Amino acid sequence: MSLQLYNTLTRKNERLETCEPNHVRMYTCGPTVYDYAHIGNFRAYMFEDLLRRTLKFSGYKVTHVMNLTDVDDKTIRASIEKNLSLKEYTTTYSQAFFEDLHILNIEKAEFYPAATGHIEEMIELISRLIEKGYAYPSDDGSVYFHLSTFKEYGKLSRIDLSGMQPGARVAQDEYEKQHVGDFALWKAWHEEDGDVGWDSPWGKGRPGWHIECSAMSMKYLGESFDIHTGGIDNMFPHHEDEIAQSEAATGKPFVRYWMHCSHLVVDGKKMSKSLGNFYTLQDLLDRGYTSRELRYVLMGTHYRQTLNFTFEGLEAARAALQRIDEFASRLKDLVHGESASSLPDWAQHVRSEFSLALNNDLNISKARAVLFDMLHAGHKALDEGSVHASEAAAVLDTIGDLDRVFGFLEASPDEADSDAIAILKAREEARKNKDWAEADRLRDQITRLGWTLQDTPKGPKLKRK
């Protein structure tokens, strides 16, 4: 079965056919770096990581671009409030974002272009739109896209334009579905923008949010490319505006496949600070959950379904991962340096069934079921003593193969993650300094992370509880 993906543009599953054979060029709407990313953001980035890993697992070369929006209404307003330059302010959150990606084992994209580094490309794209009659400068030095000139506007979001008022302008970067009008490509500088601004043919100002993604995606991927991803909330206005300005400028189809993931909610409710259910990655790590458990949960539901995040789900993830670790440990105990041979009968079709699940629009639930069916059959065979050492080695190789996509499987229960190891090192330092109270506190923290600590003559050892 070839890879089938749901295309938001057509509202149906379609066979992936790339512009260039065996090469996928993919763009992801990255973060606006005005604050720390929250778990709702990472639900989207986890979906995109699953897509990227599946493409590579299926044999495609992937060129992946994820932008950083480091200039917009939010970043300007927040940097001024903090009395920092725009670069100083956004650098903090850009670095935190990359650290979080690393913690969650999200693979790196090939390019992470920042908007402020591509102003020249945006000005050039806006100039093309003006020359072709799709955009116009306003009296104050802003430039707007003339919505009525692009007859296919709304083809992605299926928005009804019948109530649109001709000549209505939308100056802000984000707006509601009910508010449709000519949108800003270039925003004239105003006093409230402080020292943020660039010279342009229309005067000092800065780009609108939507033009940023068109300019950067086309620079790195070409005027037409394969896949554009993002959260469902990006579909309108952001992605609709990207299509309009890109296709108006080039006269070519912008993107072949549009893929959108659904929202994350917490205990069935929208996440918000006012409800006290707003969590960053660090918030959850501080509660004693591991990055591996968080990855398991964030990849737990099909990307087009709402993900209901709960602490019960995190506890279930911990139990599931312990089950995986126990199975891998039993296999390792059996191998004793043997080379892998053919797979036992109960593991023969795991990889093909796993691939079939992923090829059906990234059916992660089915893919996970394939894994646990193997674990169930494998534990039974191990109990019966019917697994040879060379077969155990082959099954371990298969687990490693599946982990190219999952990214949360570990072959040994004694292989601690970076969080536990860092605390263990701090505890050893406290013991060396005879700070026993601090050592005990750190031991308790290790226990909360799900590890048992044993002090042995050869040094401390960690084992999953």
Protein backbone atom coordinates (compact mmCIF):
# COMPACT_ATOMS: atom_id res chain seq x y z
CA MET A 1 0.00 0.00 0.00
CA SER A 2 1.40 3.40 -0.99
CA LEU A 3 1.37 6.29 1.45
CA GLN A 4 -2.11 7.85 1.66
CA LEU A 5 -2.53 11.25 3.33
CA TYR A 6 -5.63 13.32 4.04
CA ASN A 7 -5.50 16.50 1.98
CA THR A 8 -7.44 19.34 3.58
CA LEU A 9 -7.64 21.04 0.19
CA THR A 10 -9.69 18.20 -1.33
CA ARG A 11 -11.14 16.80 1.93
CA LYS A 12 -10.10 13.25 1.07
CA ASN A 13 -7.28 10.73 1.40
CA GLU A 14 -4.89 10.89 -1.53
CA ARG A 15 -1.88 8.88 -2.65
CA LEU A 16 1.29 10.88 -2.08
CA GLU A 17 2.79 11.92 -5.42
CA THR A 18 5.71 14.29 -5.02
CA CYS A 19 6.94 17.03 -7.33
CA GLU A 20 10.32 15.31 -7.47
CA PRO A 21 10.53 11.49 -7.29
CA ASN A 22 11.24 10.15 -3.77
CA HIS A 23 11.83 13.64 -2.38
CA VAL A 24 9.31 15.37 -0.11
CA ARG A 25 9.60 19.12 0.33
CA MET A 26 7.62 20.09 3.41
CA TYR A 27 6.86 23.33 5.28
CA THR A 28 5.68 23.68 8.86
CA CYS A 29 4.28 26.80 10.49
CA GLY A 30 6.57 27.15 13.49
CA PRO A 31 6.18 29.15 16.70
CA THR A 32 5.69 32.84 17.25
CA VAL A 33 8.53 33.32 19.72
CA TYR A 34 6.88 35.70 22.18
CA ASP A 35 6.46 33.16 25.03
CA TYR A 36 7.30 29.60 26.01
CA ALA A 37 5.55 27.00 23.84
CA HIS A 38 2.78 25.01 25.57
CA ILE A 39 1.68 21.41 25.14
CA GLY A 40 -0.99 22.44 22.64
CA ASN A 41 1.77 23.76 20.38
CA PHE A 42 3.77 20.58 20.84
CA ARG A 43 0.79 18.45 19.86
CA ALA A 44 1.12 20.04 16.40
CA TYR A 45 4.91 19.68 16.30
CA MET A 46 4.59 16.03 17.37
CA PHE A 47 2.20 15.38 14.48
CA GLU A 48 4.70 16.94 12.09
CA ASP A 49 7.49 14.85 13.60
CA LEU A 50 5.40 11.70 13.07
CA LEU A 51 4.82 12.73 9.46
CA ARG A 52 8.51 13.44 8.87
CA ARG A 53 9.60 10.15 10.46
CA THR A 54 6.98 8.19 8.49
CA LEU A 55 8.14 9.73 5.22
CA LYS A 56 11.73 8.75 5.97
CA PHE A 57 10.63 5.28 7.14
CA SER A 58 8.88 4.91 3.78
CA GLY A 59 12.10 5.70 1.92
CA TYR A 60 11.62 9.37 1.04
CA LYS A 61 14.28 12.02 1.25
CA VAL A 62 12.79 14.91 3.26
CA THR A 63 13.61 18.60 3.07
CA HIS A 64 11.73 20.18 5.94
CA VAL A 65 11.44 23.90 6.68
CA MET A 66 9.98 25.29 9.92
CA ASN A 67 9.82 29.05 10.29
CA LEU A 68 10.22 31.17 13.40
CA THR A 69 7.92 34.19 13.55
CA ASP A 70 10.08 36.69 15.40
CA VAL A 71 8.32 39.86 14.29
CA ASP A 72 4.57 40.45 14.55
CA ASP A 73 2.14 42.37 16.73
CA LYS A 74 2.75 40.09 19.74
CA THR A 75 6.54 40.07 19.70
CA ILE A 76 6.77 43.85 19.19
CA ARG A 77 4.30 44.61 21.97
CA ALA A 78 5.93 42.19 24.44
CA SER A 79 9.50 43.35 23.76
CA ILE A 80 8.53 46.97 24.35
CA GLU A 81 6.75 46.07 27.58
CA LYS A 82 9.93 44.31 28.78
CA ASN A 83 12.14 47.20 27.58
CA LEU A 84 14.21 44.83 25.43
CA SER A 85 15.21 44.91 21.78
CA LEU A 86 13.14 42.65 19.57
CA LYS A 87 16.13 40.31 19.02
CA GLU A 88 16.97 40.11 22.74
CA TYR A 89 13.36 39.30 23.57
CA THR A 90 12.72 36.66 20.90
CA THR A 91 16.12 34.93 21.27
CA THR A 92 15.17 33.74 24.76
CA TYR A 93 12.05 31.99 23.50
CA SER A 94 13.69 30.69 20.32
CA GLN A 95 16.36 28.96 22.38
CA ALA A 96 13.77 27.56 24.78
CA PHE A 97 11.80 26.20 21.83
CA PHE A 98 14.81 24.33 20.43
CA GLU A 99 15.59 22.93 23.88
CA ASP A 100 12.01 21.64 24.16
CA LEU A 101 12.23 20.01 20.72
CA HIS A 102 15.38 18.21 21.85
CA ILE A 103 13.77 17.05 25.10
CA LEU A 104 10.79 15.61 23.22
CA ASN A 105 13.05 13.85 20.69
CA ILE A 106 11.50 15.79 17.80
CA GLU A 107 13.79 15.52 14.80
CA LYS A 108 15.43 18.67 13.52
CA ALA A 109 14.15 20.27 10.34
CA GLU A 110 16.69 21.05 7.64
CA PHE A 111 16.00 24.81 7.86
CA TYR A 112 14.65 27.13 10.58
CA PRO A 113 14.37 30.52 8.85
CA ALA A 114 13.51 33.49 11.05
CA ALA A 115 11.27 36.20 9.63
CA THR A 116 13.65 39.05 10.50
CA GLY A 117 16.35 37.40 8.39
CA HIS A 118 14.20 37.39 5.25
CA ILE A 119 12.77 40.91 4.96
CA GLU A 120 14.38 41.39 1.53
CA GLU A 121 12.57 38.34 0.12
CA MET A 122 9.27 39.59 1.52
CA ILE A 123 9.69 43.04 -0.02
CA GLU A 124 10.47 41.43 -3.38
CA LEU A 125 7.35 39.23 -3.19
CA ILE A 126 5.14 42.18 -2.27
CA SER A 127 6.57 44.17 -5.19
CA ARG A 128 5.62 41.34 -7.58
CA LEU A 129 2.06 41.38 -6.26
CA ILE A 130 1.78 45.16 -6.75
CA GLU A 131 3.16 44.90 -10.30
CA LYS A 132 0.59 42.21 -11.15
CA GLY A 133 -2.30 44.22 -9.72
CA TYR A 134 -3.01 41.96 -6.74
CA ALA A 135 -1.82 44.41 -4.09
CA TYR A 136 -1.92 48.15 -3.51
CA PRO A 137 -0.18 50.67 -1.22
CA SER A 138 -2.38 52.66 1.13
CA ASP A 139 -1.98 56.34 1.98
CA ASP A 140 -0.15 55.60 5.25
CA GLY A 141 2.55 53.43 3.63
CA SER A 142 1.01 50.03 4.28
CA VAL A 143 0.41 47.53 1.46
CA TYR A 144 -2.71 45.35 1.22
CA PHE A 145 -3.61 42.28 -0.81
CA HIS A 146 -6.66 43.02 -2.95
CA LEU A 147 -8.81 40.03 -2.01
CA SER A 148 -11.39 40.38 -4.78
CA THR A 149 -8.67 39.95 -7.44
CA PHE A 150 -7.97 36.35 -6.40
CA LYS A 151 -11.07 34.45 -7.48
CA GLU A 152 -10.15 31.17 -5.74
CA TYR A 153 -9.88 32.71 -2.26
CA GLY A 154 -11.53 30.40 0.27
CA LYS A 155 -10.79 27.11 -1.53
CA LEU A 156 -8.89 25.69 1.46
CA SER A 157 -11.11 26.76 4.35
CA ARG A 158 -14.35 26.73 2.28
CA ILE A 159 -15.20 30.08 3.82
CA ASP A 160 -18.27 31.91 2.50
CA LEU A 161 -17.22 35.26 1.03
CA SER A 162 -20.74 36.43 0.17
CA GLY A 163 -20.83 38.78 3.16
CA MET A 164 -17.48 40.38 2.44
CA GLN A 165 -17.56 44.14 2.17
CA PRO A 166 -15.49 45.44 -0.77
CA GLY A 167 -12.61 47.63 0.34
CA ALA A 168 -12.64 46.44 3.97
CA ARG A 169 -9.12 46.20 5.32
CA VAL A 170 -7.67 43.97 8.02
CA ALA A 171 -4.56 45.49 9.54
CA GLN A 172 -3.92 43.03 12.40
CA ASP A 173 -1.98 39.83 11.85
CA GLU A 174 -4.74 37.53 13.09
CA TYR A 175 -8.48 37.86 12.65
CA GLU A 176 -11.69 35.88 13.04
CA LYS A 177 -13.58 33.90 10.43
CA GLN A 178 -16.31 36.49 10.32
CA HIS A 179 -13.86 39.25 9.43
CA VAL A 180 -12.76 38.84 5.83
CA GLY A 181 -11.14 41.64 3.90
CA ASP A 182 -8.00 42.91 2.20
CA PHE A 183 -5.14 41.82 4.45
CA ALA A 184 -1.86 43.57 5.20
CA LEU A 185 1.27 42.49 3.35
CA TRP A 186 3.34 45.39 4.69
CA LYS A 187 2.48 47.40 7.78
CA ALA A 188 3.58 51.01 7.97
CA TRP A 189 5.68 51.98 10.98
CA HIS A 190 3.85 53.66 13.85
CA GLU A 191 5.18 55.13 17.06
CA GLU A 192 3.98 52.13 19.11
CA ASP A 193 6.36 49.91 17.07
CA GLY A 194 9.36 51.49 18.80
CA ASP A 195 12.60 50.82 16.93
CA VAL A 196 11.20 47.87 14.95
CA GLY A 197 11.06 48.72 11.27
CA TRP A 198 12.76 48.27 7.89
CA ASP A 199 13.05 50.55 4.89
CA SER A 200 10.97 49.61 1.86
CA PRO A 201 9.74 51.20 -1.40
CA TRP A 202 6.56 52.16 0.53
CA GLY A 203 8.30 53.62 3.56
CA LYS A 204 9.50 52.31 6.89
CA GLY A 205 7.54 49.38 8.25
CA ARG A 206 7.55 45.63 8.65
CA PRO A 207 5.93 42.61 6.99
CA GLY A 208 2.53 41.19 7.83
CA TRP A 209 2.44 37.71 9.32
CA HIS A 210 1.08 35.89 6.26
CA ILE A 211 3.66 37.13 3.73
CA GLU A 212 6.46 35.80 5.95
CA CYS A 213 5.57 32.15 5.38
CA SER A 214 5.06 32.53 1.63
CA ALA A 215 8.43 34.21 1.14
CA MET A 216 10.39 31.81 3.33
CA SER A 217 8.76 28.60 2.11
CA MET A 218 9.30 29.49 -1.55
CA LYS A 219 12.91 30.50 -0.93
CA TYR A 220 13.85 27.12 0.52
CA LEU A 221 11.38 24.79 -1.22
CA GLY A 222 10.53 26.44 -4.53
CA GLU A 223 7.40 28.14 -5.83
CA SER A 224 5.49 24.83 -5.72
CA PHE A 225 6.17 22.15 -3.13
CA ASP A 226 4.63 19.00 -1.68
CA ILE A 227 3.26 19.34 1.86
CA HIS A 228 2.30 22.25 4.11
CA THR A 229 1.37 21.46 7.71
CA GLY A 230 0.01 23.30 10.71
CA GLY A 231 -2.71 23.36 13.34
CA ILE A 232 -6.34 23.53 12.28
CA ASP A 233 -6.49 27.09 13.64
CA ASN A 234 -3.95 28.12 10.99
CA MET A 235 -6.25 27.16 8.11
CA PHE A 236 -8.03 30.51 8.14
CA PRO A 237 -6.86 33.17 7.74
CA HIS A 238 -3.18 32.27 7.67
CA HIS A 239 -3.01 29.41 5.18
CA GLU A 240 -5.79 30.83 3.02
CA ASP A 241 -3.85 34.07 2.73
CA GLU A 242 -0.63 32.19 1.96
CA ILE A 243 -2.30 30.46 -0.98
CA ALA A 244 -3.76 33.69 -2.34
CA GLN A 245 -0.55 35.75 -2.26
CA SER A 246 1.71 32.89 -3.41
CA GLU A 247 -0.39 31.71 -6.35
CA ALA A 248 -1.17 35.29 -7.38
CA ALA A 249 2.56 36.07 -7.49
CA THR A 250 3.72 32.93 -9.31
CA GLY A 251 0.71 31.76 -11.31
CA LYS A 252 1.49 28.22 -10.08
CA PRO A 253 -0.14 25.88 -7.55
CA PHE A 254 1.46 26.68 -4.20
CA VAL A 255 1.16 23.38 -2.29
CA ARG A 256 -0.04 19.90 -3.32
CA TYR A 257 -1.10 18.55 0.09
CA TRP A 258 -2.33 20.58 3.05
CA MET A 259 -2.33 18.72 6.37
CA HIS A 260 -3.81 20.06 9.61
CA CYS A 261 -3.90 18.59 13.10
CA SER A 262 -6.74 19.12 15.53
CA HIS A 263 -6.65 20.82 18.93
CA LEU A 264 -5.41 19.61 22.29
CA VAL A 265 -7.76 20.01 25.26
CA VAL A 266 -7.07 19.35 28.95
CA ASP A 267 -9.60 17.19 30.79
CA GLY A 268 -12.08 17.94 28.01
CA LYS A 269 -11.71 21.73 28.34
CA LYS A 270 -9.89 24.31 26.28
CA MET A 271 -6.49 25.02 27.77
CA SER A 272 -6.23 28.48 29.31
CA LYS A 273 -4.32 30.20 32.09
CA SER A 274 -7.58 31.40 33.66
CA LEU A 275 -8.73 27.78 34.13
CA GLY A 276 -5.39 26.75 35.63
CA ASN A 277 -4.93 24.01 33.03
CA PHE A 278 -2.25 25.70 30.94
CA TYR A 279 1.00 23.70 30.82
CA THR A 280 4.40 24.23 29.28
CA LEU A 281 6.75 21.29 28.85
CA GLN A 282 8.76 22.41 31.87
CA ASP A 283 5.62 22.55 34.03
CA LEU A 284 5.08 18.84 33.43
CA LEU A 285 8.73 17.88 33.84
CA ASP A 286 8.68 19.69 37.18
CA ARG A 287 5.76 17.47 38.22
CA GLY A 288 7.97 14.42 37.77
CA TYR A 289 6.87 13.22 34.33
CA THR A 290 9.53 12.29 31.81
CA SER A 291 9.96 13.61 28.32
CA ARG A 292 9.47 10.08 27.04
CA GLU A 293 6.07 9.80 28.74
CA LEU A 294 5.05 13.17 27.34
CA ARG A 295 6.04 12.11 23.83
CA TYR A 296 3.98 8.93 24.21
CA VAL A 297 0.89 10.92 25.21
CA LEU A 298 1.27 13.66 22.59
CA MET A 299 1.50 10.99 19.90
CA GLY A 300 -1.42 9.03 21.35
CA THR A 301 -4.32 10.12 19.15
CA HIS A 302 -4.75 10.40 15.40
CA TYR A 303 -3.65 13.86 14.34
CA ARG A 304 -7.06 14.84 12.96
CA GLN A 305 -8.82 13.97 16.23
CA THR A 306 -8.90 16.19 19.30
CA LEU A 307 -6.33 15.03 21.86
CA ASN A 308 -7.68 15.04 25.41
CA PHE A 309 -4.67 15.51 27.68
CA THR A 310 -5.06 14.14 31.22
CA PHE A 311 -2.74 13.21 34.06
CA GLU A 312 -4.37 9.79 34.09
CA GLY A 313 -3.15 9.48 30.50
CA LEU A 314 0.38 10.27 31.63
CA GLU A 315 0.18 7.57 34.30
CA ALA A 316 -1.08 5.12 31.68
CA ALA A 317 1.84 6.12 29.45
CA ARG A 318 4.27 5.36 32.28
CA ALA A 319 2.75 1.90 32.71
CA ALA A 320 2.80 1.20 28.96
CA LEU A 321 6.44 2.23 28.65
CA GLN A 322 7.39 0.06 31.60
CA ARG A 323 5.74 -2.86 29.80
CA ILE A 324 7.80 -2.11 26.68
CA ASP A 325 10.97 -1.85 28.77
CA GLU A 326 10.29 -5.15 30.53
CA PHE A 327 9.86 -6.93 27.19
CA ALA A 328 13.07 -5.45 25.78
CA SER A 329 14.94 -6.38 28.97
CA ARG A 330 13.81 -10.01 28.75
CA LEU A 331 15.00 -10.15 25.14
CA LYS A 332 18.38 -8.65 26.03
CA ASP A 333 18.85 -11.14 28.85
CA LEU A 334 18.35 -13.90 26.29
CA VAL A 335 20.60 -12.60 23.50
CA HIS A 336 24.06 -12.96 25.15
CA GLY A 337 25.88 -11.61 22.10
CA GLU A 338 24.07 -13.75 19.54
CA SER A 339 23.60 -12.31 16.04
CA ALA A 340 20.11 -11.79 14.72
CA SER A 341 18.52 -14.52 12.64
CA SER A 342 15.02 -14.72 11.18
CA LEU A 343 12.11 -13.43 13.22
CA PRO A 344 9.88 -15.84 15.13
CA ASP A 345 6.42 -16.46 13.65
CA TRP A 346 4.70 -14.03 16.04
CA ALA A 347 6.92 -11.14 14.82
CA GLN A 348 7.13 -11.99 11.11
CA HIS A 349 4.52 -9.51 9.91
CA VAL A 350 5.05 -6.71 12.44
CA ARG A 351 6.93 -4.36 10.13
CA SER A 352 4.51 -4.79 7.21
CA GLU A 353 1.46 -4.29 9.43
CA PHE A 354 3.14 -1.28 11.03
CA SER A 355 3.79 0.21 7.59
CA LEU A 356 0.19 -0.43 6.49
CA ALA A 357 -1.09 1.45 9.53
CA LEU A 358 1.16 4.44 8.92
CA ASN A 359 0.41 4.46 5.20
CA ASN A 360 -3.28 4.92 6.06
CA ASP A 361 -2.99 8.63 6.89
CA LEU A 362 -0.61 8.08 9.82
CA ASN A 363 -2.90 5.75 11.78
CA ILE A 364 -0.84 5.88 14.96
CA SER A 365 -3.43 4.00 17.04
CA LYS A 366 -3.24 0.98 14.74
CA ALA A 367 0.56 1.23 14.60
CA ARG A 368 0.70 1.20 18.39
CA ALA A 369 -1.68 -1.79 18.48
CA VAL A 370 0.72 -3.69 16.20
CA LEU A 371 3.51 -3.05 18.71
CA PHE A 372 1.52 -4.23 21.72
CA ASP A 373 0.20 -7.29 19.89
CA MET A 374 3.84 -8.24 19.36
CA LEU A 375 4.60 -7.65 23.04
CA HIS A 376 1.69 -9.86 24.11
CA ALA A 377 2.72 -12.69 21.81
CA GLY A 378 6.38 -12.23 22.67
CA HIS A 379 5.87 -12.38 26.44
CA LYS A 380 3.90 -15.60 25.97
CA ALA A 381 6.64 -17.14 23.85
CA LEU A 382 9.31 -16.07 26.36
CA ASP A 383 7.29 -17.62 29.19
CA GLU A 384 7.14 -20.87 27.21
CA GLY A 385 10.89 -20.76 26.57
CA SER A 386 10.38 -21.01 22.82
CA VAL A 387 12.44 -17.96 21.78
CA HIS A 388 16.01 -18.60 20.62
CA ALA A 389 18.74 -16.05 21.35
CA SER A 390 19.17 -15.19 17.67
CA GLU A 391 15.40 -14.65 17.35
CA ALA A 392 15.45 -12.37 20.39
CA ALA A 393 18.17 -10.32 18.70
CA ALA A 394 16.04 -10.07 15.55
CA VAL A 395 13.03 -8.86 17.57
CA LEU A 396 15.20 -6.22 19.25
CA ASP A 397 16.25 -5.05 15.79
CA THR A 398 12.58 -4.80 14.83
CA ILE A 399 11.83 -2.71 17.92
CA GLY A 400 14.67 -0.39 16.93
CA ASP A 401 13.20 -0.18 13.44
CA LEU A 402 9.76 0.81 14.77
CA ASP A 403 11.39 3.38 17.01
CA ARG A 404 12.56 5.26 13.93
CA VAL A 405 8.94 6.43 13.85
CA PHE A 406 7.77 6.21 17.48
CA GLY A 407 10.83 7.84 19.04
CA PHE A 408 9.84 6.69 22.54
CA LEU A 409 10.92 3.03 22.64
CA GLU A 410 13.94 2.14 24.76
CA ALA A 411 15.64 -1.23 24.60
CA SER A 412 16.61 -1.38 28.27
CA PRO A 413 14.75 -0.47 31.47
CA ASP A 414 18.09 0.48 33.04
CA GLU A 415 18.83 3.16 30.46
CA ALA A 416 17.81 6.30 32.32
CA ASP A 417 16.70 9.42 30.49
CA SER A 418 18.58 12.71 30.63
CA ASP A 419 16.34 14.13 33.39
CA ALA A 420 17.10 11.28 35.84
CA ILE A 421 20.80 11.23 34.97
CA ALA A 422 21.17 14.97 35.61
CA ILE A 423 19.54 14.63 39.05
CA LEU A 424 21.69 11.59 39.85
CA LYS A 425 24.86 13.59 39.07
CA ALA A 426 23.64 16.44 41.30
CA ARG A 427 22.98 13.94 44.12
CA GLU A 428 26.50 12.53 43.82
CA GLU A 429 27.89 16.05 44.07
CA ALA A 430 25.78 16.67 47.19
CA ARG A 431 27.02 13.41 48.76
CA LYS A 432 30.62 14.37 47.97
CA ASN A 433 30.02 17.67 49.83
CA LYS A 434 28.33 15.78 52.70
CA ASP A 435 25.11 17.71 52.08
CA TRP A 436 22.92 14.80 53.11
CA ALA A 437 19.67 16.77 53.22
CA GLU A 438 20.12 17.83 49.58
CA ALA A 439 21.12 14.29 48.61
CA ASP A 440 17.93 12.93 50.18
CA ARG A 441 15.84 15.57 48.42
CA LEU A 442 17.34 14.65 45.07
CA ARG A 443 16.82 10.95 45.76
CA ASP A 444 13.12 11.68 46.36
CA GLN A 445 13.00 13.60 43.08
CA ILE A 446 14.49 10.61 41.23
CA THR A 447 11.84 8.38 42.83
CA ARG A 448 9.07 10.71 41.64
CA LEU A 449 10.42 10.35 38.10
CA GLY A 450 9.71 6.62 38.31
CA TRP A 451 13.19 5.27 39.15
CA THR A 452 14.54 3.15 41.98
CA LEU A 453 18.03 4.21 43.08
CA GLN A 454 20.43 1.60 44.43
CA ASP A 455 23.78 2.59 45.97
CA THR A 456 26.22 -0.20 45.07
CA PRO A 457 30.00 -0.66 45.58
CA LYS A 458 30.38 0.22 41.90
CA GLY A 459 28.34 3.41 42.26
CA PRO A 460 24.65 4.33 42.13
CA LYS A 461 22.37 2.38 39.77
CA LEU A 462 18.99 3.42 38.41
CA LYS A 463 16.22 0.93 37.67
CA ARG A 464 12.67 1.55 36.52
CA LYS A 465 10.12 1.04 39.27
